[in-house]
Amino acid sequence: EESGVRVGKVDYLTSQPWPFPASLMLGCRGEALTEEITIDPA
C-alpha cells in the first residue's frame, strides 16, 4: 500500500512497547519480490 513493493517471505524479529500512546511494535524482516516503487502520497 505504501510503496507498491511486493513482499514474499516474512520472519518475526523482535518487539518493542511504544507508549505513544500505547502500541506494540512487531519488528519483522521481509524479502522483496519486486523493486519498482510507487508511493502512496497520503
Full PDB file with SEQRES, HELIX, SHEET, SSBOND, CRYST1, ORIGX, SCALE, CONECT and MASTER records, all heavy atoms in Angstrom:
SEQRES   1 A   42  GLU GLU SER GLY VAL ARG VAL GLY LYS VAL ASP TYR LEU          
SEQRES   2 A   42  THR SER GLN PRO TRP PRO PHE PRO ALA SER LEU MET LEU          
SEQRES   3 A   42  GLY CYS ARG GLY GLU ALA LEU THR GLU GLU ILE THR ILE          
SEQRES   4 A   42  ASP PRO ALA                                                  
SHEET    1 AA1 2 VAL A   7  TRP A  18  0                                        
SHEET    2 AA1 2 SER A  23  ALA A  32 -1                                        
CRYST1    1.000    1.000    1.000  90.00  90.00  90.00 P 1           1          
ORIGX1      1.000000  0.000000  0.000000        0.00000                         
ORIGX2      0.000000  1.000000  0.000000        0.00000                         
ORIGX3      0.000000  0.000000  1.000000        0.00000                         
SCALE1      1.000000  0.000000  0.000000        0.00000                         
SCALE2      0.000000  1.000000  0.000000        0.00000                         
SCALE3      0.000000  0.000000  1.000000        0.00000                         
ATOM      1  N   GLU A   1       0.818  -1.213   0.000  1.00  0.00           N  
ATOM      2  CA  GLU A   1       0.000   0.000   0.000  1.00  0.00           C  
ATOM      3  C   GLU A   1       0.852   1.263   0.000  1.00  0.00           C  
ATOM      4  O   GLU A   1       0.526   2.245  -0.682  1.00  0.00           O  
ATOM      5  CB  GLU A   1      -0.932   0.018   1.213  1.00  0.00           C  
ATOM      6  CG  GLU A   1      -2.083  -0.976   1.132  1.00  0.00           C  
ATOM      7  CD  GLU A   1      -2.966  -0.965   2.369  1.00  0.00           C  
ATOM      8  OE1 GLU A   1      -2.619  -0.261   3.358  1.00  0.00           O  
ATOM      9  OE2 GLU A   1      -3.991  -1.657   2.367  1.00  0.00           O  
ATOM     10  N   GLU A   2       1.929   1.256   0.761  1.00  0.00           N  
ATOM     11  CA  GLU A   2       2.733   2.468   0.911  1.00  0.00           C  
ATOM     12  C   GLU A   2       3.756   2.652  -0.208  1.00  0.00           C  
ATOM     13  O   GLU A   2       4.062   3.790  -0.584  1.00  0.00           O  
ATOM     14  CB  GLU A   2       3.446   2.455   2.262  1.00  0.00           C  
ATOM     15  CG  GLU A   2       2.496   2.544   3.449  1.00  0.00           C  
ATOM     16  CD  GLU A   2       3.220   2.700   4.771  1.00  0.00           C  
ATOM     17  OE1 GLU A   2       4.475   2.702   4.774  1.00  0.00           O  
ATOM     18  OE2 GLU A   2       2.546   2.831   5.807  1.00  0.00           O  
ATOM     19  N   SER A   3       4.298   1.541  -0.720  1.00  0.00           N  
ATOM     20  CA  SER A   3       5.404   1.673  -1.673  1.00  0.00           C  
ATOM     21  C   SER A   3       5.194   0.966  -3.005  1.00  0.00           C  
ATOM     22  O   SER A   3       5.980   1.163  -3.934  1.00  0.00           O  
ATOM     23  CB  SER A   3       6.690   1.127  -1.038  1.00  0.00           C  
ATOM     24  OG  SER A   3       6.605  -0.293  -0.916  1.00  0.00           O  
ATOM     25  N   GLY A   4       4.173   0.101  -3.094  1.00  0.00           N  
ATOM     26  CA  GLY A   4       3.967  -0.664  -4.318  1.00  0.00           C  
ATOM     27  C   GLY A   4       4.870  -1.867  -4.455  1.00  0.00           C  
ATOM     28  O   GLY A   4       4.827  -2.575  -5.467  1.00  0.00           O  
ATOM     29  N   VAL A   5       5.696  -2.157  -3.457  1.00  0.00           N  
ATOM     30  CA  VAL A   5       6.632  -3.284  -3.489  1.00  0.00           C  
ATOM     31  C   VAL A   5       5.938  -4.539  -2.966  1.00  0.00           C  
ATOM     32  O   VAL A   5       5.293  -4.501  -1.904  1.00  0.00           O  
ATOM     33  CB  VAL A   5       7.894  -2.971  -2.664  1.00  0.00           C  
ATOM     34  CG1 VAL A   5       8.778  -4.206  -2.549  1.00  0.00           C  
ATOM     35  CG2 VAL A   5       8.667  -1.816  -3.291  1.00  0.00           C  
ATOM     36  N   ARG A   6       6.077  -5.645  -3.697  1.00  0.00           N  
ATOM     37  CA  ARG A   6       5.521  -6.922  -3.266  1.00  0.00           C  
ATOM     38  C   ARG A   6       6.527  -7.654  -2.373  1.00  0.00           C  
ATOM     39  O   ARG A   6       7.726  -7.657  -2.655  1.00  0.00           O  
ATOM     40  CB  ARG A   6       5.202  -7.797  -4.472  1.00  0.00           C  
ATOM     41  CG  ARG A   6       4.099  -7.259  -5.375  1.00  0.00           C  
ATOM     42  CD  ARG A   6       2.737  -7.439  -4.743  1.00  0.00           C  
ATOM     43  NE  ARG A   6       1.654  -7.051  -5.644  1.00  0.00           N  
ATOM     44  CZ  ARG A   6       0.367  -7.072  -5.310  1.00  0.00           C  
ATOM     45  NH1 ARG A   6       0.001  -7.473  -4.088  1.00  0.00           N  
ATOM     46  NH2 ARG A   6      -0.558  -6.693  -6.169  1.00  0.00           N  
ATOM     47  N   VAL A   7       6.018  -8.278  -1.304  1.00  0.00           N  
ATOM     48  CA  VAL A   7       6.873  -8.964  -0.333  1.00  0.00           C  
ATOM     49  C   VAL A   7       6.503 -10.439  -0.279  1.00  0.00           C  
ATOM     50  O   VAL A   7       5.329 -10.799  -0.276  1.00  0.00           O  
ATOM     51  CB  VAL A   7       6.730  -8.333   1.072  1.00  0.00           C  
ATOM     52  CG1 VAL A   7       7.515  -9.127   2.110  1.00  0.00           C  
ATOM     53  CG2 VAL A   7       7.178  -6.886   1.045  1.00  0.00           C  
ATOM     54  N   GLY A   8       7.517 -11.292  -0.222  1.00  0.00           N  
ATOM     55  CA  GLY A   8       7.302 -12.729  -0.120  1.00  0.00           C  
ATOM     56  C   GLY A   8       7.447 -13.219   1.301  1.00  0.00           C  
ATOM     57  O   GLY A   8       6.600 -12.969   2.158  1.00  0.00           O  
ATOM     58  N   LYS A   9       8.569 -13.888   1.593  1.00  0.00           N  
ATOM     59  CA  LYS A   9       8.782 -14.479   2.909  1.00  0.00           C  
ATOM     60  C   LYS A   9       8.876 -13.401   3.988  1.00  0.00           C  
ATOM     61  O   LYS A   9       9.534 -12.374   3.806  1.00  0.00           O  
ATOM     62  CB  LYS A   9      10.072 -15.298   2.902  1.00  0.00           C  
ATOM     63  CG  LYS A   9      10.372 -15.999   4.221  1.00  0.00           C  
ATOM     64  CD  LYS A   9      11.691 -16.741   4.163  1.00  0.00           C  
ATOM     65  CE  LYS A   9      12.017 -17.397   5.496  1.00  0.00           C  
ATOM     66  NZ  LYS A   9      13.336 -18.071   5.485  1.00  0.00           N  
ATOM     67  N   VAL A  10       8.224 -13.648   5.123  1.00  0.00           N  
ATOM     68  CA  VAL A  10       8.236 -12.720   6.261  1.00  0.00           C  
ATOM     69  C   VAL A  10       8.637 -13.486   7.517  1.00  0.00           C  
ATOM     70  O   VAL A  10       8.106 -14.566   7.789  1.00  0.00           O  
ATOM     71  CB  VAL A  10       6.856 -12.064   6.479  1.00  0.00           C  
ATOM     72  CG1 VAL A  10       6.846 -11.227   7.753  1.00  0.00           C  
ATOM     73  CG2 VAL A  10       6.479 -11.207   5.271  1.00  0.00           C  
ATOM     74  N   ASP A  11       9.579 -12.947   8.275  1.00  0.00           N  
ATOM     75  CA  ASP A  11      10.002 -13.543   9.545  1.00  0.00           C  
ATOM     76  C   ASP A  11       9.870 -12.508  10.665  1.00  0.00           C  
ATOM     77  O   ASP A  11      10.104 -11.320  10.447  1.00  0.00           O  
ATOM     78  CB  ASP A  11      11.463 -14.000   9.484  1.00  0.00           C  
ATOM     79  CG  ASP A  11      11.673 -15.129   8.495  1.00  0.00           C  
ATOM     80  OD1 ASP A  11      10.907 -16.106   8.552  1.00  0.00           O  
ATOM     81  OD2 ASP A  11      12.600 -15.022   7.661  1.00  0.00           O  
ATOM     82  N   TYR A  12       9.523 -12.998  11.835  1.00  0.00           N  
ATOM     83  CA  TYR A  12       9.465 -12.138  13.025  1.00  0.00           C  
ATOM     84  C   TYR A  12      10.862 -11.950  13.583  1.00  0.00           C  
ATOM     85  O   TYR A  12      11.663 -12.889  13.640  1.00  0.00           O  
ATOM     86  CB  TYR A  12       8.551 -12.770  14.076  1.00  0.00           C  
ATOM     87  CG  TYR A  12       8.605 -12.098  15.431  1.00  0.00           C  
ATOM     88  CD1 TYR A  12       7.939 -10.896  15.653  1.00  0.00           C  
ATOM     89  CD2 TYR A  12       9.337 -12.668  16.473  1.00  0.00           C  
ATOM     90  CE1 TYR A  12       8.005 -10.281  16.894  1.00  0.00           C  
ATOM     91  CE2 TYR A  12       9.400 -12.060  17.714  1.00  0.00           C  
ATOM     92  CZ  TYR A  12       8.732 -10.869  17.920  1.00  0.00           C  
ATOM     93  OH  TYR A  12       8.807 -10.255  19.150  1.00  0.00           O  
ATOM     94  N   LEU A  13      11.175 -10.733  14.038  1.00  0.00           N  
ATOM     95  CA  LEU A  13      12.473 -10.441  14.632  1.00  0.00           C  
ATOM     96  C   LEU A  13      12.374 -10.185  16.135  1.00  0.00           C  
ATOM     97  O   LEU A  13      12.926 -10.915  16.945  1.00  0.00           O  
ATOM     98  CB  LEU A  13      13.099  -9.218  13.952  1.00  0.00           C  
ATOM     99  CG  LEU A  13      13.518  -9.390  12.501  1.00  0.00           C  
ATOM    100  CD1 LEU A  13      13.967  -8.055  11.911  1.00  0.00           C  
ATOM    101  CD2 LEU A  13      14.646 -10.428  12.380  1.00  0.00           C  
ATOM    102  N   THR A  14      11.686  -9.117  16.514  1.00  0.00           N  
ATOM    103  CA  THR A  14      11.580  -8.738  17.918  1.00  0.00           C  
ATOM    104  C   THR A  14      10.447  -7.725  18.066  1.00  0.00           C  
ATOM    105  O   THR A  14       9.812  -7.351  17.075  1.00  0.00           O  
ATOM    106  CB  THR A  14      12.902  -8.141  18.425  1.00  0.00           C  
ATOM    107  OG1 THR A  14      12.837  -7.968  19.845  1.00  0.00           O  
ATOM    108  CG2 THR A  14      13.202  -6.794  17.770  1.00  0.00           C  
ATOM    109  N   SER A  15      10.195  -7.284  19.288  1.00  0.00           N  
ATOM    110  CA  SER A  15       9.108  -6.331  19.509  1.00  0.00           C  
ATOM    111  C   SER A  15       9.562  -5.227  20.453  1.00  0.00           C  
ATOM    112  O   SER A  15      10.555  -5.367  21.176  1.00  0.00           O  
ATOM    113  CB  SER A  15       7.875  -7.034  20.094  1.00  0.00           C  
ATOM    114  OG  SER A  15       8.165  -7.606  21.358  1.00  0.00           O  
ATOM    115  N   GLN A  16       8.811  -4.131  20.427  1.00  0.00           N  
ATOM    116  CA  GLN A  16       9.099  -3.005  21.311  1.00  0.00           C  
ATOM    117  C   GLN A  16       7.793  -2.362  21.775  1.00  0.00           C  
ATOM    118  O   GLN A  16       7.003  -1.909  20.944  1.00  0.00           O  
ATOM    119  CB  GLN A  16       9.942  -1.938  20.604  1.00  0.00           C  
ATOM    120  CG  GLN A  16      10.264  -0.739  21.511  1.00  0.00           C  
ATOM    121  CD  GLN A  16      11.001   0.365  20.771  1.00  0.00           C  
ATOM    122  OE1 GLN A  16      10.656   0.721  19.653  1.00  0.00           O  
ATOM    123  NE2 GLN A  16      12.032   0.921  21.410  1.00  0.00           N  
ATOM    124  N   PRO A  17       7.552  -2.305  23.089  1.00  0.00           N  
ATOM    125  CA  PRO A  17       6.427  -1.495  23.569  1.00  0.00           C  
ATOM    126  C   PRO A  17       6.686  -0.040  23.189  1.00  0.00           C  
ATOM    127  O   PRO A  17       7.802   0.461  23.365  1.00  0.00           O  
ATOM    128  CB  PRO A  17       6.467  -1.687  25.090  1.00  0.00           C  
ATOM    129  CG  PRO A  17       7.322  -2.890  25.310  1.00  0.00           C  
ATOM    130  CD  PRO A  17       8.301  -2.928  24.186  1.00  0.00           C  
ATOM    131  N   TRP A  18       5.669   0.623  22.686  1.00  0.00           N  
ATOM    132  CA  TRP A  18       5.832   2.004  22.221  1.00  0.00           C  
ATOM    133  C   TRP A  18       4.698   2.828  22.833  1.00  0.00           C  
ATOM    134  O   TRP A  18       3.575   2.830  22.323  1.00  0.00           O  
ATOM    135  CB  TRP A  18       5.809   2.045  20.687  1.00  0.00           C  
ATOM    136  CG  TRP A  18       6.237   3.345  20.088  1.00  0.00           C  
ATOM    137  CD1 TRP A  18       5.461   4.213  19.368  1.00  0.00           C  
ATOM    138  CD2 TRP A  18       7.548   3.934  20.121  1.00  0.00           C  
ATOM    139  NE1 TRP A  18       6.208   5.294  18.952  1.00  0.00           N  
ATOM    140  CE2 TRP A  18       7.481   5.145  19.402  1.00  0.00           C  
ATOM    141  CE3 TRP A  18       8.760   3.544  20.701  1.00  0.00           C  
ATOM    142  CZ2 TRP A  18       8.593   5.981  19.247  1.00  0.00           C  
ATOM    143  CZ3 TRP A  18       9.858   4.369  20.537  1.00  0.00           C  
ATOM    144  CH2 TRP A  18       9.767   5.572  19.823  1.00  0.00           C  
ATOM    145  N   PRO A  19       4.958   3.513  23.932  1.00  0.00           N  
ATOM    146  CA  PRO A  19       3.883   4.152  24.708  1.00  0.00           C  
ATOM    147  C   PRO A  19       3.454   5.520  24.187  1.00  0.00           C  
ATOM    148  O   PRO A  19       3.326   6.473  24.944  1.00  0.00           O  
ATOM    149  CB  PRO A  19       4.518   4.262  26.093  1.00  0.00           C  
ATOM    150  CG  PRO A  19       5.972   4.489  25.805  1.00  0.00           C  
ATOM    151  CD  PRO A  19       6.268   3.657  24.580  1.00  0.00           C  
ATOM    152  N   PHE A  20       3.238   5.632  22.861  1.00  0.00           N  
ATOM    153  CA  PHE A  20       2.886   6.918  22.262  1.00  0.00           C  
ATOM    154  C   PHE A  20       1.673   6.781  21.345  1.00  0.00           C  
ATOM    155  O   PHE A  20       1.778   6.967  20.142  1.00  0.00           O  
ATOM    156  CB  PHE A  20       4.094   7.485  21.505  1.00  0.00           C  
ATOM    157  CG  PHE A  20       5.343   7.573  22.329  1.00  0.00           C  
ATOM    158  CD1 PHE A  20       6.384   6.691  22.127  1.00  0.00           C  
ATOM    159  CD2 PHE A  20       5.472   8.537  23.326  1.00  0.00           C  
ATOM    160  CE1 PHE A  20       7.537   6.762  22.892  1.00  0.00           C  
ATOM    161  CE2 PHE A  20       6.618   8.606  24.101  1.00  0.00           C  
ATOM    162  CZ  PHE A  20       7.656   7.721  23.880  1.00  0.00           C  
ATOM    163  N   PRO A  21       0.471   6.479  21.856  1.00  0.00           N  
ATOM    164  CA  PRO A  21       0.172   6.341  23.279  1.00  0.00           C  
ATOM    165  C   PRO A  21       0.303   4.919  23.820  1.00  0.00           C  
ATOM    166  O   PRO A  21       0.665   4.742  24.963  1.00  0.00           O  
ATOM    167  CB  PRO A  21      -1.277   6.816  23.383  1.00  0.00           C  
ATOM    168  CG  PRO A  21      -1.873   6.443  22.072  1.00  0.00           C  
ATOM    169  CD  PRO A  21      -0.767   6.599  21.052  1.00  0.00           C  
ATOM    170  N   ALA A  22       0.004   3.881  22.997  1.00  0.00           N  
ATOM    171  CA  ALA A  22       0.049   2.521  23.548  1.00  0.00           C  
ATOM    172  C   ALA A  22       0.064   1.504  22.418  1.00  0.00           C  
ATOM    173  O   ALA A  22      -0.953   0.897  22.100  1.00  0.00           O  
ATOM    174  CB  ALA A  22      -1.137   2.271  24.471  1.00  0.00           C  
ATOM    175  N   SER A  23       1.223   1.319  21.803  1.00  0.00           N  
ATOM    176  CA  SER A  23       1.357   0.367  20.708  1.00  0.00           C  
ATOM    177  C   SER A  23       2.398  -0.689  21.059  1.00  0.00           C  
ATOM    178  O   SER A  23       3.239  -0.484  21.928  1.00  0.00           O  
ATOM    179  CB  SER A  23       1.786   1.074  19.412  1.00  0.00           C  
ATOM    180  OG  SER A  23       0.831   2.026  19.008  1.00  0.00           O  
ATOM    181  N   LEU A  24       2.326  -1.806  20.353  1.00  0.00           N  
ATOM    182  CA  LEU A  24       3.375  -2.820  20.423  1.00  0.00           C  
ATOM    183  C   LEU A  24       3.931  -2.952  19.013  1.00  0.00           C  
ATOM    184  O   LEU A  24       3.243  -3.411  18.100  1.00  0.00           O  
ATOM    185  CB  LEU A  24       2.833  -4.156  20.912  1.00  0.00           C  
ATOM    186  CG  LEU A  24       3.876  -5.285  20.999  1.00  0.00           C  
ATOM    187  CD1 LEU A  24       4.960  -4.946  22.015  1.00  0.00           C  
ATOM    188  CD2 LEU A  24       3.213  -6.617  21.344  1.00  0.00           C  
ATOM    189  N   MET A  25       5.183  -2.520  18.835  1.00  0.00           N  
ATOM    190  CA  MET A  25       5.824  -2.576  17.531  1.00  0.00           C  
ATOM    191  C   MET A  25       6.382  -3.975  17.310  1.00  0.00           C  
ATOM    192  O   MET A  25       7.230  -4.445  18.081  1.00  0.00           O  
ATOM    193  CB  MET A  25       6.953  -1.556  17.437  1.00  0.00           C  
ATOM    194  CG  MET A  25       6.569  -0.145  17.822  1.00  0.00           C  
ATOM    195  SD  MET A  25       5.333   0.589  16.742  1.00  0.00           S  
ATOM    196  CE  MET A  25       6.273   0.780  15.234  1.00  0.00           C  
ATOM    197  N   LEU A  26       5.886  -4.662  16.273  1.00  0.00           N  
ATOM    198  CA  LEU A  26       6.312  -6.016  15.958  1.00  0.00           C  
ATOM    199  C   LEU A  26       7.302  -5.944  14.801  1.00  0.00           C  
ATOM    200  O   LEU A  26       6.927  -5.735  13.643  1.00  0.00           O  
ATOM    201  CB  LEU A  26       5.101  -6.875  15.585  1.00  0.00           C  
ATOM    202  CG  LEU A  26       4.038  -6.990  16.684  1.00  0.00           C  
ATOM    203  CD1 LEU A  26       2.787  -7.664  16.152  1.00  0.00           C  
ATOM    204  CD2 LEU A  26       4.583  -7.736  17.886  1.00  0.00           C  
ATOM    205  N   GLY A  27       8.574  -6.072  15.136  1.00  0.00           N  
ATOM    206  CA  GLY A  27       9.620  -5.950  14.134  1.00  0.00           C  
ATOM    207  C   GLY A  27       9.740  -7.212  13.302  1.00  0.00           C  
ATOM    208  O   GLY A  27       9.879  -8.309  13.836  1.00  0.00           O  
ATOM    209  N   CYS A  28       9.690  -7.057  11.974  1.00  0.00           N  
ATOM    210  CA  CYS A  28       9.736  -8.193  11.065  1.00  0.00           C  
ATOM    211  C   CYS A  28      10.759  -7.951   9.959  1.00  0.00           C  
ATOM    212  O   CYS A  28      11.157  -6.814   9.695  1.00  0.00           O  
ATOM    213  CB  CYS A  28       8.361  -8.426  10.428  1.00  0.00           C  
ATOM    214  SG  CYS A  28       7.066  -8.834  11.612  1.00  0.00           S  
ATOM    215  N   ARG A  29      11.152  -9.043   9.319  1.00  0.00           N  
ATOM    216  CA  ARG A  29      12.042  -8.981   8.170  1.00  0.00           C  
ATOM    217  C   ARG A  29      11.290  -9.590   6.991  1.00  0.00           C  
ATOM    218  O   ARG A  29      10.713 -10.669   7.098  1.00  0.00           O  
ATOM    219  CB  ARG A  29      13.324  -9.755   8.454  1.00  0.00           C  
ATOM    220  CG  ARG A  29      14.230  -9.942   7.252  1.00  0.00           C  
ATOM    221  CD  ARG A  29      15.578 -10.520   7.649  1.00  0.00           C  
ATOM    222  NE  ARG A  29      15.446 -11.687   8.514  1.00  0.00           N  
ATOM    223  CZ  ARG A  29      16.478 -12.285   9.109  1.00  0.00           C  
ATOM    224  NH1 ARG A  29      17.696 -11.804   8.965  1.00  0.00           N  
ATOM    225  NH2 ARG A  29      16.291 -13.345   9.866  1.00  0.00           N  
ATOM    226  N   GLY A  30      11.305  -8.908   5.844  1.00  0.00           N  
ATOM    227  CA  GLY A  30      10.619  -9.406   4.667  1.00  0.00           C  
ATOM    228  C   GLY A  30      11.508  -9.344   3.440  1.00  0.00           C  
ATOM    229  O   GLY A  30      12.351  -8.451   3.317  1.00  0.00           O  
ATOM    230  N   GLU A  31      11.312 -10.304   2.540  1.00  0.00           N  
ATOM    231  CA  GLU A  31      12.071 -10.356   1.295  1.00  0.00           C  
ATOM    232  C   GLU A  31      11.230  -9.779   0.168  1.00  0.00           C  
ATOM    233  O   GLU A  31      10.133 -10.276  -0.127  1.00  0.00           O  
ATOM    234  CB  GLU A  31      12.468 -11.798   0.978  1.00  0.00           C  
ATOM    235  CG  GLU A  31      13.383 -12.420   2.016  1.00  0.00           C  
ATOM    236  CD  GLU A  31      13.719 -13.864   1.701  1.00  0.00           C  
ATOM    237  OE1 GLU A  31      13.251 -14.353   0.646  1.00  0.00           O  
ATOM    238  OE2 GLU A  31      14.430 -14.498   2.501  1.00  0.00           O  
ATOM    239  N   ALA A  32      11.734  -8.740  -0.466  1.00  0.00           N  
ATOM    240  CA  ALA A  32      11.009  -8.093  -1.560  1.00  0.00           C  
ATOM    241  C   ALA A  32      11.041  -8.964  -2.808  1.00  0.00           C  
ATOM    242  O   ALA A  32      12.081  -9.523  -3.165  1.00  0.00           O  
ATOM    243  CB  ALA A  32      11.612  -6.732  -1.853  1.00  0.00           C  
ATOM    244  N   LEU A  33       9.882  -9.083  -3.462  1.00  0.00           N  
ATOM    245  CA  LEU A  33       9.795  -9.820  -4.713  1.00  0.00           C  
ATOM    246  C   LEU A  33       9.913  -8.895  -5.912  1.00  0.00           C  
ATOM    247  O   LEU A  33      10.243  -9.342  -7.015  1.00  0.00           O  
ATOM    248  CB  LEU A  33       8.462 -10.585  -4.772  1.00  0.00           C  
ATOM    249  CG  LEU A  33       8.212 -11.597  -3.659  1.00  0.00           C  
ATOM    250  CD1 LEU A  33       6.825 -12.199  -3.794  1.00  0.00           C  
ATOM    251  CD2 LEU A  33       9.279 -12.691  -3.668  1.00  0.00           C  
ATOM    252  N   THR A  34       9.612  -7.625  -5.693  1.00  0.00           N  
ATOM    253  CA  THR A  34       9.714  -6.620  -6.748  1.00  0.00           C  
ATOM    254  C   THR A  34      10.479  -5.430  -6.193  1.00  0.00           C  
ATOM    255  O   THR A  34      10.675  -5.304  -4.983  1.00  0.00           O  
ATOM    256  CB  THR A  34       8.322  -6.160  -7.211  1.00  0.00           C  
ATOM    257  OG1 THR A  34       7.620  -5.558  -6.103  1.00  0.00           O  
ATOM    258  CG2 THR A  34       7.501  -7.336  -7.735  1.00  0.00           C  
ATOM    259  N   GLU A  35      10.904  -4.527  -7.069  1.00  0.00           N  
ATOM    260  CA  GLU A  35      11.663  -3.378  -6.592  1.00  0.00           C  
ATOM    261  C   GLU A  35      11.145  -2.036  -7.078  1.00  0.00           C  
ATOM    262  O   GLU A  35      11.551  -1.001  -6.559  1.00  0.00           O  
ATOM    263  CB  GLU A  35      13.132  -3.515  -6.965  1.00  0.00           C  
ATOM    264  CG  GLU A  35      13.419  -3.631  -8.439  1.00  0.00           C  
ATOM    265  CD  GLU A  35      14.908  -3.843  -8.700  1.00  0.00           C  
ATOM    266  OE1 GLU A  35      15.419  -4.931  -8.380  1.00  0.00           O  
ATOM    267  OE2 GLU A  35      15.537  -2.897  -9.206  1.00  0.00           O  
ATOM    268  N   GLU A  36      10.251  -2.031  -8.038  1.00  0.00           N  
ATOM    269  CA  GLU A  36       9.704  -0.761  -8.516  1.00  0.00           C  
ATOM    270  C   GLU A  36       8.865  -0.114  -7.419  1.00  0.00           C  
ATOM    271  O   GLU A  36       8.019  -0.773  -6.798  1.00  0.00           O  
ATOM    272  CB  GLU A  36       8.862  -0.966  -9.768  1.00  0.00           C  
ATOM    273  CG  GLU A  36       8.321   0.339 -10.338  1.00  0.00           C  
ATOM    274  CD  GLU A  36       7.511   0.138 -11.596  1.00  0.00           C  
ATOM    275  OE1 GLU A  36       7.486  -1.003 -12.119  1.00  0.00           O  
ATOM    276  OE2 GLU A  36       6.900   1.121 -12.053  1.00  0.00           O  
ATOM    277  N   ILE A  37       9.076   1.168  -7.175  1.00  0.00           N  
ATOM    278  CA  ILE A  37       8.401   1.884  -6.093  1.00  0.00           C  
ATOM    279  C   ILE A  37       7.327   2.800  -6.662  1.00  0.00           C  
ATOM    280  O   ILE A  37       7.578   3.585  -7.581  1.00  0.00           O  
ATOM    281  CB  ILE A  37       9.413   2.702  -5.268  1.00  0.00           C  
ATOM    282  CG1 ILE A  37      10.378   1.772  -4.525  1.00  0.00           C  
ATOM    283  CG2 ILE A  37       8.695   3.628  -4.288  1.00  0.00           C  
ATOM    284  CD1 ILE A  37      11.491   2.492  -3.803  1.00  0.00           C  
ATOM    285  N   THR A  38       6.131   2.672  -6.096  1.00  0.00           N  
ATOM    286  CA  THR A  38       5.028   3.591  -6.394  1.00  0.00           C  
ATOM    287  C   THR A  38       4.421   3.986  -5.059  1.00  0.00           C  
ATOM    288  O   THR A  38       3.689   3.203  -4.443  1.00  0.00           O  
ATOM    289  CB  THR A  38       3.956   2.937  -7.278  1.00  0.00           C  
ATOM    290  OG1 THR A  38       4.565   2.443  -8.477  1.00  0.00           O  
ATOM    291  CG2 THR A  38       2.877   3.956  -7.639  1.00  0.00           C  
ATOM    292  N   ILE A  39       4.745   5.168  -4.568  1.00  0.00           N  
ATOM    293  CA  ILE A  39       4.332   5.533  -3.211  1.00  0.00           C  
ATOM    294  C   ILE A  39       2.871   5.966  -3.160  1.00  0.00           C  
ATOM    295  O   ILE A  39       2.303   6.430  -4.157  1.00  0.00           O  
ATOM    296  CB  ILE A  39       5.215   6.654  -2.624  1.00  0.00           C  
ATOM    297  CG1 ILE A  39       5.029   7.976  -3.395  1.00  0.00           C  
ATOM    298  CG2 ILE A  39       6.662   6.244  -2.564  1.00  0.00           C  
ATOM    299  CD1 ILE A  39       5.605   9.166  -2.664  1.00  0.00           C  
ATOM    300  N   ASP A  40       2.302   5.805  -1.981  1.00  0.00           N  
ATOM    301  CA  ASP A  40       1.002   6.391  -1.665  1.00  0.00           C  
ATOM    302  C   ASP A  40       1.285   7.733  -1.010  1.00  0.00           C  
ATOM    303  O   ASP A  40       1.764   7.779   0.131  1.00  0.00           O  
ATOM    304  CB  ASP A  40       0.233   5.478  -0.710  1.00  0.00           C  
ATOM    305  CG  ASP A  40      -1.107   6.068  -0.281  1.00  0.00           C  
ATOM    306  OD1 ASP A  40      -1.426   7.202  -0.689  1.00  0.00           O  
ATOM    307  OD2 ASP A  40      -1.817   5.396   0.491  1.00  0.00           O  
ATOM    308  N   PRO A  41       1.010   8.857  -1.680  1.00  0.00           N  
ATOM    309  CA  PRO A  41       1.362  10.166  -1.117  1.00  0.00           C  
ATOM    310  C   PRO A  41       0.618  10.506   0.169  1.00  0.00           C  
ATOM    311  O   PRO A  41       1.037  11.402   0.894  1.00  0.00           O  
ATOM    312  CB  PRO A  41       1.012  11.137  -2.251  1.00  0.00           C  
ATOM    313  CG  PRO A  41       0.019  10.405  -3.103  1.00  0.00           C  
ATOM    314  CD  PRO A  41       0.395   8.962  -3.011  1.00  0.00           C  
ATOM    315  N   ALA A  42      -0.464   9.791   0.452  1.00  0.00           N  
ATOM    316  CA  ALA A  42      -1.166  10.026   1.719  1.00  0.00           C  
ATOM    317  C   ALA A  42      -0.405   9.405   2.888  1.00  0.00           C  
ATOM    318  O   ALA A  42      -0.641   9.759   4.045  1.00  0.00           O  
ATOM    319  CB  ALA A  42      -2.580   9.453   1.653  1.00  0.00           C  
TER     320      ALA A  42                                                      
MASTER        0    0    0    0    2    0    0    6  319    1    0    4          
END                                                                             
